[in-house]
Amino acid sequence: MRQRYSFHVDRAGHSVTVNVRSGWITETELLVDGRECAFHRVHGHGSYPLTLSGQLPEEPPQPLAVTLDRTGRAEHPLACVLAVAGCEQPMPEHTAR
């Protein structure tokens, strides 16, 4: 059975979203302002921690990274952290659509 997880945060006027679809194949995508800027696909339930990189569309572009890791909890098995400009911010989990 395929499971879905979604994490989202608004940062400096930009929307940052991470979607995970796990199952036989696990796909993870990083969206900034609704546009895909990183994608990872692996067979199985994924290998964690996983870091995806992108950038905020500013002048000059500001690099960002999101890191997914297992929590060890059944209710919320994944946690996601956004790192921008040397600051880390946990990304809350939302119900995936």
N, C-alpha and C. Protein backbone atom coordinates (compact mmCIF):
# COMPACT_ATOMS: atom_id res chain seq x y z
N MET A 1 0.83 -1.17 0.00
CA MET A 1 0.00 0.00 0.00
C MET A 1 0.89 1.25 0.00
N ARG A 2 0.52 2.18 -0.82
CA ARG A 2 1.29 3.42 -0.97
C ARG A 2 0.90 4.41 0.13
N GLN A 3 1.92 5.04 0.73
CA GLN A 3 1.68 6.05 1.75
C GLN A 3 2.15 7.40 1.24
N ARG A 4 1.47 8.45 1.69
CA ARG A 4 1.80 9.80 1.24
C ARG A 4 2.04 10.69 2.45
N TYR A 5 3.03 11.55 2.32
CA TYR A 5 3.36 12.52 3.35
C TYR A 5 3.62 13.85 2.66
N SER A 6 3.25 14.94 3.32
CA SER A 6 3.48 16.26 2.76
C SER A 6 3.90 17.19 3.89
N PHE A 7 4.91 18.00 3.62
CA PHE A 7 5.42 18.98 4.57
C PHE A 7 5.43 20.33 3.88
N HIS A 8 5.06 21.38 4.63
CA HIS A 8 4.96 22.70 4.00
C HIS A 8 5.32 23.79 4.99
N VAL A 9 5.98 24.85 4.47
CA VAL A 9 6.26 26.04 5.26
C VAL A 9 6.35 27.23 4.31
N ASP A 10 5.92 28.39 4.79
CA ASP A 10 6.11 29.63 4.05
C ASP A 10 7.33 30.32 4.63
N ARG A 11 8.24 30.72 3.76
CA ARG A 11 9.51 31.32 4.21
C ARG A 11 9.84 32.52 3.32
N ALA A 12 9.96 33.69 3.91
CA ALA A 12 10.36 34.91 3.21
C ALA A 12 9.49 35.16 1.97
N GLY A 13 8.18 34.95 2.11
CA GLY A 13 7.27 35.18 1.00
C GLY A 13 7.24 34.09 -0.05
N HIS A 14 7.89 32.97 0.23
CA HIS A 14 7.93 31.83 -0.70
C HIS A 14 7.33 30.59 -0.04
N SER A 15 6.75 29.75 -0.85
CA SER A 15 6.15 28.50 -0.41
C SER A 15 7.14 27.36 -0.65
N VAL A 16 7.42 26.57 0.40
CA VAL A 16 8.32 25.41 0.26
C VAL A 16 7.54 24.17 0.68
N THR A 17 7.44 23.19 -0.22
CA THR A 17 6.67 21.97 0.02
C THR A 17 7.51 20.76 -0.33
N VAL A 18 7.40 19.73 0.50
CA VAL A 18 8.04 18.44 0.22
C VAL A 18 6.95 17.39 0.24
N ASN A 19 6.83 16.64 -0.85
CA ASN A 19 5.87 15.54 -0.96
C ASN A 19 6.61 14.22 -1.07
N VAL A 20 6.14 13.23 -0.32
CA VAL A 20 6.73 11.89 -0.34
C VAL A 20 5.63 10.89 -0.64
N ARG A 21 5.85 10.04 -1.63
CA ARG A 21 4.95 8.93 -1.95
C ARG A 21 5.78 7.65 -1.83
N SER A 22 5.46 6.85 -0.81
CA SER A 22 6.28 5.66 -0.58
C SER A 22 5.48 4.40 -0.83
N GLY A 23 6.18 3.36 -1.16
CA GLY A 23 5.60 2.06 -1.46
C GLY A 23 6.67 1.22 -2.12
N TRP A 24 6.31 0.52 -3.19
CA TRP A 24 7.29 -0.27 -3.94
C TRP A 24 8.39 0.65 -4.47
N ILE A 25 7.97 1.84 -4.90
CA ILE A 25 8.89 2.89 -5.32
C ILE A 25 8.60 4.11 -4.46
N THR A 26 9.63 4.75 -3.92
CA THR A 26 9.45 5.96 -3.13
C THR A 26 9.91 7.16 -3.94
N GLU A 27 8.99 8.13 -4.09
CA GLU A 27 9.29 9.36 -4.83
C GLU A 27 9.19 10.54 -3.87
N THR A 28 10.19 11.40 -3.91
CA THR A 28 10.22 12.58 -3.06
C THR A 28 10.45 13.79 -3.96
N GLU A 29 9.60 14.82 -3.80
CA GLU A 29 9.76 16.02 -4.62
C GLU A 29 9.82 17.25 -3.72
N LEU A 30 10.64 18.21 -4.13
CA LEU A 30 10.77 19.50 -3.47
C LEU A 30 10.19 20.55 -4.40
N LEU A 31 9.19 21.29 -3.90
CA LEU A 31 8.56 22.35 -4.67
C LEU A 31 8.83 23.69 -3.99
N VAL A 32 9.21 24.68 -4.78
CA VAL A 32 9.36 26.05 -4.30
C VAL A 32 8.41 26.91 -5.13
N ASP A 33 7.50 27.57 -4.45
CA ASP A 33 6.46 28.36 -5.12
C ASP A 33 5.70 27.53 -6.15
N GLY A 34 5.46 26.25 -5.82
CA GLY A 34 4.70 25.37 -6.68
C GLY A 34 5.46 24.75 -7.84
N ARG A 35 6.73 25.08 -7.98
CA ARG A 35 7.54 24.53 -9.08
C ARG A 35 8.52 23.50 -8.53
N GLU A 36 8.59 22.38 -9.22
CA GLU A 36 9.51 21.32 -8.79
C GLU A 36 10.95 21.76 -9.04
N CYS A 37 11.77 21.67 -7.98
CA CYS A 37 13.18 22.03 -8.16
C CYS A 37 14.11 20.88 -7.77
N ALA A 38 13.56 19.79 -7.18
CA ALA A 38 14.37 18.60 -6.90
C ALA A 38 13.43 17.40 -6.83
N PHE A 39 13.95 16.25 -7.25
CA PHE A 39 13.15 15.02 -7.27
C PHE A 39 14.08 13.84 -7.01
N HIS A 40 13.59 12.89 -6.22
CA HIS A 40 14.38 11.70 -5.90
C HIS A 40 13.47 10.48 -5.99
N ARG A 41 13.92 9.43 -6.67
CA ARG A 41 13.14 8.19 -6.80
C ARG A 41 14.05 7.01 -6.46
N VAL A 42 13.52 6.08 -5.65
CA VAL A 42 14.27 4.90 -5.27
C VAL A 42 13.31 3.73 -5.10
N HIS A 43 13.76 2.53 -5.40
CA HIS A 43 12.94 1.34 -5.17
C HIS A 43 12.92 1.04 -3.68
N GLY A 44 11.77 0.70 -3.16
CA GLY A 44 11.64 0.39 -1.73
C GLY A 44 11.11 1.58 -0.96
N HIS A 45 11.27 1.52 0.35
CA HIS A 45 10.69 2.53 1.23
C HIS A 45 11.61 3.72 1.49
N GLY A 46 12.66 3.86 0.76
CA GLY A 46 13.52 5.03 0.87
C GLY A 46 14.69 4.82 1.81
N SER A 47 15.69 5.61 1.62
CA SER A 47 16.90 5.58 2.42
C SER A 47 17.02 6.94 3.10
N TYR A 48 17.04 6.94 4.43
CA TYR A 48 17.05 8.19 5.19
C TYR A 48 18.25 8.25 6.11
N PRO A 49 18.77 9.43 6.41
CA PRO A 49 18.25 10.74 6.00
C PRO A 49 18.47 11.01 4.51
N LEU A 50 17.58 11.82 3.95
CA LEU A 50 17.62 12.21 2.55
C LEU A 50 17.60 13.73 2.49
N THR A 51 18.54 14.31 1.75
CA THR A 51 18.59 15.77 1.60
C THR A 51 18.39 16.14 0.14
N LEU A 52 17.46 17.08 -0.09
CA LEU A 52 17.22 17.63 -1.42
C LEU A 52 17.57 19.11 -1.38
N SER A 53 18.16 19.61 -2.46
CA SER A 53 18.59 21.00 -2.52
C SER A 53 17.82 21.76 -3.59
N GLY A 54 17.66 23.05 -3.36
CA GLY A 54 17.00 23.93 -4.31
C GLY A 54 17.41 25.35 -4.01
N GLN A 55 16.61 26.31 -4.45
CA GLN A 55 16.90 27.70 -4.15
C GLN A 55 15.62 28.51 -4.15
N LEU A 56 15.63 29.57 -3.35
CA LEU A 56 14.52 30.53 -3.36
C LEU A 56 14.76 31.48 -4.52
N PRO A 57 13.72 31.76 -5.32
CA PRO A 57 13.89 32.61 -6.51
C PRO A 57 13.95 34.09 -6.13
N GLU A 58 15.09 34.48 -5.61
CA GLU A 58 15.34 35.86 -5.24
C GLU A 58 16.51 36.36 -6.05
N GLU A 59 16.86 37.62 -5.88
CA GLU A 59 18.02 38.17 -6.55
C GLU A 59 19.04 38.56 -5.51
N PRO A 60 20.14 37.90 -5.32
CA PRO A 60 20.51 36.65 -6.01
C PRO A 60 19.75 35.47 -5.40
N PRO A 61 19.65 34.35 -6.14
CA PRO A 61 18.96 33.16 -5.63
C PRO A 61 19.59 32.71 -4.31
N GLN A 62 18.73 32.31 -3.38
CA GLN A 62 19.19 31.87 -2.07
C GLN A 62 19.08 30.35 -1.96
N PRO A 63 20.21 29.65 -1.77
CA PRO A 63 20.17 28.19 -1.68
C PRO A 63 19.41 27.72 -0.45
N LEU A 64 18.78 26.57 -0.59
CA LEU A 64 18.08 25.93 0.52
C LEU A 64 18.27 24.43 0.42
N ALA A 65 18.06 23.77 1.55
CA ALA A 65 18.11 22.30 1.58
C ALA A 65 17.02 21.83 2.53
N VAL A 66 16.39 20.71 2.19
CA VAL A 66 15.44 20.07 3.08
C VAL A 66 15.96 18.67 3.38
N THR A 67 15.86 18.27 4.63
CA THR A 67 16.32 16.95 5.04
C THR A 67 15.17 16.19 5.66
N LEU A 68 14.91 15.00 5.12
CA LEU A 68 13.91 14.09 5.65
C LEU A 68 14.61 13.01 6.44
N ASP A 69 14.03 12.63 7.57
CA ASP A 69 14.60 11.56 8.38
C ASP A 69 13.47 10.80 9.07
N ARG A 70 13.75 9.58 9.43
CA ARG A 70 12.76 8.77 10.16
C ARG A 70 12.70 9.23 11.61
N THR A 71 11.48 9.18 12.18
CA THR A 71 11.29 9.60 13.57
C THR A 71 11.25 8.41 14.52
N GLY A 72 10.93 7.22 14.00
CA GLY A 72 10.78 6.05 14.86
C GLY A 72 9.38 5.95 15.46
N ARG A 73 8.48 6.85 15.08
CA ARG A 73 7.11 6.84 15.58
C ARG A 73 6.17 6.35 14.49
N ALA A 74 5.19 5.56 14.88
CA ALA A 74 4.24 5.00 13.90
C ALA A 74 3.31 6.08 13.34
N GLU A 75 2.87 7.01 14.16
CA GLU A 75 1.92 8.04 13.70
C GLU A 75 2.54 8.99 12.69
N HIS A 76 3.74 9.43 12.94
CA HIS A 76 4.44 10.37 12.06
C HIS A 76 5.85 9.83 11.81
N PRO A 77 5.98 8.91 10.85
CA PRO A 77 7.26 8.22 10.66
C PRO A 77 8.37 9.09 10.05
N LEU A 78 8.01 10.23 9.45
CA LEU A 78 9.03 11.10 8.84
C LEU A 78 8.98 12.50 9.43
N ALA A 79 10.14 13.12 9.50
CA ALA A 79 10.26 14.52 9.90
C ALA A 79 11.04 15.24 8.81
N CYS A 80 10.74 16.52 8.61
CA CYS A 80 11.39 17.30 7.57
C CYS A 80 11.88 18.62 8.15
N VAL A 81 13.12 19.01 7.79
CA VAL A 81 13.72 20.25 8.27
C VAL A 81 14.21 21.05 7.08
N LEU A 82 13.87 22.34 7.06
CA LEU A 82 14.32 23.27 6.03
C LEU A 82 15.53 24.03 6.55
N ALA A 83 16.58 24.11 5.73
CA ALA A 83 17.77 24.89 6.09
C ALA A 83 17.98 25.97 5.02
N VAL A 84 17.95 27.24 5.48
CA VAL A 84 18.16 28.39 4.61
C VAL A 84 19.02 29.40 5.37
N ALA A 85 20.05 29.89 4.73
CA ALA A 85 20.91 30.95 5.30
C ALA A 85 21.42 30.59 6.69
N GLY A 86 21.78 29.34 6.89
CA GLY A 86 22.35 28.90 8.16
C GLY A 86 21.33 28.66 9.27
N CYS A 87 20.05 28.83 8.99
CA CYS A 87 19.00 28.60 9.97
C CYS A 87 18.20 27.36 9.59
N GLU A 88 17.88 26.55 10.59
CA GLU A 88 17.05 25.36 10.36
C GLU A 88 15.67 25.59 10.93
N GLN A 89 14.65 25.12 10.19
CA GLN A 89 13.27 25.29 10.60
C GLN A 89 12.52 23.98 10.33
N PRO A 90 11.92 23.37 11.37
CA PRO A 90 11.11 22.17 11.14
C PRO A 90 9.93 22.51 10.24
N MET A 91 9.61 21.60 9.33
CA MET A 91 8.47 21.77 8.44
C MET A 91 7.33 20.92 8.96
N PRO A 92 6.18 21.53 9.26
CA PRO A 92 5.04 20.75 9.77
C PRO A 92 4.48 19.83 8.70
N GLU A 93 3.99 18.68 9.15
CA GLU A 93 3.38 17.70 8.25
C GLU A 93 1.94 18.08 7.99
N HIS A 94 1.53 17.97 6.73
CA HIS A 94 0.15 18.23 6.33
C HIS A 94 -0.39 16.96 5.67
N THR A 95 -1.69 16.83 5.63
CA THR A 95 -2.30 15.71 4.95
C THR A 95 -2.05 15.86 3.46
N ALA A 96 -1.43 14.85 2.86
CA ALA A 96 -1.14 14.89 1.42
C ALA A 96 -2.41 14.77 0.62
N ARG A 97 -2.43 15.43 -0.52
CA ARG A 97 -3.62 15.38 -1.38
C ARG A 97 -3.39 14.48 -2.54
